[in-house]
C-alpha atoms as a PDB file:
ATOM      1  CA  MET A   1     -72.247  36.123 -64.540  1.00  0.00           C
ATOM      2  CA  ASP A   2     -68.553  36.377 -63.867  1.00  0.00           C
ATOM      3  CA  SER A   3     -65.478  35.641 -65.927  1.00  0.00           C
ATOM      4  CA  LEU A   4     -62.122  34.246 -64.943  1.00  0.00           C
ATOM      5  CA  ILE A   5     -59.354  36.581 -66.135  1.00  0.00           C
ATOM      6  CA  LYS A   6     -55.729  35.458 -66.410  1.00  0.00           C
ATOM      7  CA  ALA A   7     -53.125  38.218 -66.034  1.00  0.00           C
ATOM      8  CA  LYS A   8     -49.523  37.245 -66.863  1.00  0.00           C
ATOM      9  CA  ILE A   9     -47.237  38.369 -64.039  1.00  0.00           C
ATOM     10  CA  PHE A  10     -43.966  36.545 -64.845  1.00  0.00           C
ATOM     11  CA  ASP A  11     -42.635  35.266 -68.181  1.00  0.00           C
ATOM     12  CA  ALA A  12     -39.548  33.068 -67.691  1.00  0.00           C
ATOM     13  CA  VAL A  13     -38.061  35.554 -65.200  1.00  0.00           C
ATOM     14  CA  ALA A  14     -34.770  34.528 -63.559  1.00  0.00           C
ATOM     15  CA  VAL A  15     -34.844  34.092 -59.778  1.00  0.00           C
ATOM     16  CA  ALA A  16     -31.280  33.046 -58.996  1.00  0.00           C
ATOM     17  CA  SER A  17     -30.487  31.457 -55.633  1.00  0.00           C
ATOM     18  CA  THR A  18     -32.109  33.710 -53.009  1.00  0.00           C
ATOM     19  CA  GLY A  19     -32.770  36.533 -55.485  1.00  0.00           C
ATOM     20  CA  SER A  20     -36.258  37.834 -56.153  1.00  0.00           C
ATOM     21  CA  ALA A  21     -38.530  39.198 -58.872  1.00  0.00           C
ATOM     22  CA  THR A  22     -41.533  41.468 -58.448  1.00  0.00           C
ATOM     23  CA  SER A  23     -44.401  41.654 -60.921  1.00  0.00           C
ATOM     24  CA  ASN A  24     -45.777  44.827 -62.394  1.00  0.00           C
ATOM     25  CA  SER A  25     -48.872  46.080 -60.616  1.00  0.00           C
ATOM     26  CA  VAL A  26     -52.188  44.485 -61.511  1.00  0.00           C
ATOM     27  CA  ASP A  27     -55.329  46.617 -61.332  1.00  0.00           C
ATOM     28  CA  ILE A  28     -57.878  44.653 -59.276  1.00  0.00           C
ATOM     29  CA  ARG A  29     -60.516  47.396 -58.941  1.00  0.00           C
ATOM     30  CA  ARG A  30     -62.943  45.549 -61.251  1.00  0.00           C
ATOM     31  CA  ALA A  31     -62.221  42.148 -59.733  1.00  0.00           C
ATOM     32  CA  SER A  32     -64.845  40.720 -57.433  1.00  0.00           C
ATOM     33  CA  ARG A  33     -62.208  38.286 -56.215  1.00  0.00           C
ATOM     34  CA  VAL A  34     -58.514  37.503 -56.636  1.00  0.00           C
ATOM     35  CA  GLU A  35     -58.595  33.720 -56.986  1.00  0.00           C
ATOM     36  CA  ALA A  36     -55.017  32.480 -57.164  1.00  0.00           C
ATOM     37  CA  VAL A  37     -51.471  32.677 -58.418  1.00  0.00           C
ATOM     38  CA  VAL A  38     -50.631  29.942 -60.927  1.00  0.00           C
ATOM     39  CA  LEU A  39     -46.865  29.570 -60.954  1.00  0.00           C
ATOM     40  CA  LYS A  40     -44.177  27.383 -62.477  1.00  0.00           C
ATOM     41  CA  ALA A  41     -40.583  27.560 -61.230  1.00  0.00           C
ATOM     42  CA  SER A  42     -38.197  25.361 -63.190  1.00  0.00           C
ATOM     43  CA  SER A  43     -34.483  24.644 -63.374  1.00  0.00           C
ATOM     44  CA  VAL A  44     -32.221  22.447 -65.475  1.00  0.00           C
ATOM     45  CA  ALA A  45     -29.815  22.087 -62.535  1.00  0.00           C
ATOM     46  CA  GLY A  46     -32.308  20.538 -60.102  1.00  0.00           C
ATOM     47  CA  THR A  47     -35.340  21.104 -57.911  1.00  0.00           C
ATOM     48  CA  THR A  48     -36.530  24.670 -57.374  1.00  0.00           C
ATOM     49  CA  ASP A  49     -37.953  26.268 -54.247  1.00  0.00           C
ATOM     50  CA  VAL A  50     -39.521  29.743 -54.151  1.00  0.00           C
ATOM     51  CA  LYS A  51     -41.551  31.843 -51.744  1.00  0.00           C
ATOM     52  CA  ILE A  52     -44.554  33.806 -53.087  1.00  0.00           C
ATOM     53  CA  GLU A  53     -45.676  37.053 -51.436  1.00  0.00           C
ATOM     54  CA  TYR A  54     -48.021  39.912 -52.258  1.00  0.00           C
ATOM     55  CA  SER A  55     -48.303  43.622 -51.602  1.00  0.00           C
ATOM     56  CA  THR A  56     -51.252  45.953 -52.216  1.00  0.00           C
ATOM     57  CA  SER A  57     -51.865  49.638 -52.815  1.00  0.00           C
ATOM     58  CA  HIS A  58     -54.805  52.015 -52.887  1.00  0.00           C
ATOM     59  CA  ASP A  59     -53.242  54.425 -55.413  1.00  0.00           C
ATOM     60  CA  ASP A  60     -50.681  52.271 -57.348  1.00  0.00           C
ATOM     61  CA  VAL A  61     -47.897  54.398 -55.825  1.00  0.00           C
ATOM     62  CA  SER A  62     -47.642  53.596 -52.124  1.00  0.00           C
ATOM     63  CA  TYR A  63     -47.504  49.824 -51.535  1.00  0.00           C
ATOM     64  CA  ASP A  64     -47.517  48.078 -48.183  1.00  0.00           C
ATOM     65  CA  SER A  65     -44.503  45.950 -47.323  1.00  0.00           C
ATOM     66  CA  PHE A  66     -44.329  42.371 -48.589  1.00  0.00           C
ATOM     67  CA  ASP A  67     -43.217  41.501 -45.056  1.00  0.00           C
ATOM     68  CA  ASP A  68     -46.493  42.819 -43.605  1.00  0.00           C
ATOM     69  CA  THR A  69     -48.725  40.349 -45.441  1.00  0.00           C
ATOM     70  CA  THR A  70     -48.989  36.600 -44.980  1.00  0.00           C
ATOM     71  CA  ASP A  71     -46.966  34.665 -47.568  1.00  0.00           C
ATOM     72  CA  ILE A  72     -48.999  33.049 -50.315  1.00  0.00           C
ATOM     73  CA  THR A  73     -46.559  30.166 -49.806  1.00  0.00           C
ATOM     74  CA  ALA A  74     -43.294  30.051 -47.885  1.00  0.00           C
ATOM     75  CA  SER A  75     -41.996  27.144 -49.986  1.00  0.00           C
ATOM     76  CA  SER A  76     -43.185  25.901 -53.371  1.00  0.00           C
ATOM     77  CA  ALA A  77     -41.174  22.692 -52.854  1.00  0.00           C
ATOM     78  CA  THR A  78     -43.106  21.926 -49.671  1.00  0.00           C
ATOM     79  CA  ALA A  79     -46.508  23.065 -50.947  1.00  0.00           C
ATOM     80  CA  PHE A  80     -46.372  20.802 -54.018  1.00  0.00           C
ATOM     81  CA  ALA A  81     -43.748  18.177 -53.221  1.00  0.00           C
ATOM     82  CA  ASN A  82     -45.013  15.824 -55.953  1.00  0.00           C
ATOM     83  CA  ASN A  83     -45.098  18.469 -58.705  1.00  0.00           C
ATOM     84  CA  VAL A  84     -42.388  20.937 -57.702  1.00  0.00           C
ATOM     85  CA  GLU A  85     -41.613  22.201 -61.208  1.00  0.00           C
ATOM     86  CA  GLY A  86     -45.096  22.090 -62.738  1.00  0.00           C
ATOM     87  CA  PHE A  87     -47.725  24.812 -62.909  1.00  0.00           C
ATOM     88  CA  ASN A  88     -49.293  24.877 -59.453  1.00  0.00           C
ATOM     89  CA  THR A  89     -52.199  26.900 -58.079  1.00  0.00           C
ATOM     90  CA  TYR A  90     -51.739  28.909 -54.882  1.00  0.00           C
ATOM     91  CA  PRO A  91     -54.844  30.554 -53.332  1.00  0.00           C
ATOM     92  CA  VAL A  92     -54.463  34.264 -52.580  1.00  0.00           C
ATOM     93  CA  PRO A  93     -55.863  35.811 -49.378  1.00  0.00           C
ATOM     94  CA  ALA A  94     -58.579  38.360 -50.175  1.00  0.00           C
ATOM     95  CA  PRO A  95     -56.762  41.668 -50.783  1.00  0.00           C
ATOM     96  CA  LEU A  96     -58.823  44.706 -49.798  1.00  0.00           C
ATOM     97  CA  ASN A  97     -57.179  47.270 -52.039  1.00  0.00           C
ATOM     98  CA  ASN A  98     -57.073  48.494 -55.660  1.00  0.00           C
ATOM     99  CA  TYR A  99     -53.726  47.189 -56.935  1.00  0.00           C
ATOM    100  CA  ILE A 100     -51.568  44.160 -56.229  1.00  0.00           C
ATOM    101  CA  LYS A 101     -47.981  43.088 -56.911  1.00  0.00           C
ATOM    102  CA  ILE A 102     -46.606  39.567 -56.546  1.00  0.00           C
ATOM    103  CA  LYS A 103     -43.043  38.847 -55.433  1.00  0.00           C
ATOM    104  CA  VAL A 104     -41.188  35.551 -55.892  1.00  0.00           C
ATOM    105  CA  THR A 105     -37.999  34.874 -53.905  1.00  0.00           C
ATOM    106  CA  GLY A 106     -35.646  31.895 -54.038  1.00  0.00           C
ATOM    107  CA  VAL A 107     -35.589  29.825 -50.849  1.00  0.00           C
ATOM    108  CA  GLY A 108     -32.473  28.237 -49.352  1.00  0.00           C
ATOM    109  CA  ALA A 109     -30.374  26.500 -51.988  1.00  0.00           C
ATOM    110  CA  ASN A 110     -32.674  27.414 -54.892  1.00  0.00           C
ATOM    111  CA  ASN A 111     -30.857  26.810 -58.186  1.00  0.00           C
ATOM    112  CA  ALA A 112     -29.131  29.760 -59.865  1.00  0.00           C
ATOM    113  CA  ASP A 113     -30.835  28.983 -63.212  1.00  0.00           C
ATOM    114  CA  THR A 114     -34.408  29.057 -61.857  1.00  0.00           C
ATOM    115  CA  LEU A 115     -36.961  30.551 -64.255  1.00  0.00           C
ATOM    116  CA  VAL A 116     -40.427  31.584 -63.099  1.00  0.00           C
ATOM    117  CA  THR A 117     -43.565  31.881 -65.223  1.00  0.00           C
ATOM    118  CA  GLY A 118     -46.849  32.846 -63.592  1.00  0.00           C
ATOM    119  CA  TYR A 119     -50.350  34.231 -63.818  1.00  0.00           C
ATOM    120  CA  LEU A 120     -52.757  35.954 -61.473  1.00  0.00           C
ATOM    121  CA  LEU A 121     -56.326  34.651 -61.758  1.00  0.00           C
ATOM    122  CA  LEU A 122     -59.049  37.251 -61.165  1.00  0.00           C
ATOM    123  CA  ARG A 123     -62.808  36.819 -61.025  1.00  0.00           C
ATOM    124  CA  GLU A 124     -64.617  39.731 -62.711  1.00  0.00           C
ATOM    125  CA  GLU A 125     -68.335  40.301 -62.995  1.00  0.00           C
ATOM    126  CA  THR A 126     -69.504  40.901 -66.554  1.00  0.00           C
END
């Protein structure tokens, strides 16, 4: 039997304009699968738009480049046009490593007051 584990990766973190935020590393050695990133980007000023990327590491020291992996999404505004500022679920490609970090970057004219809250969903065998 497996359990779905929710690891908080962002807690109302500011991602102003085209700025970015990177999560702490998440140990995925016990995970049988990394399911998804659940993310909410919100702004009082208007509609938000962020890119979500990931990077992995074998030893939690040397990480590959975010640019060398396929984006989880290039645009949250395009991926969920009808629920841009709600919690949305983005599938994660199967990482073949021991640790993962998630990076969120503002896209285009993303609002300066954008706040990001998110979780990484992991499937673990119990």
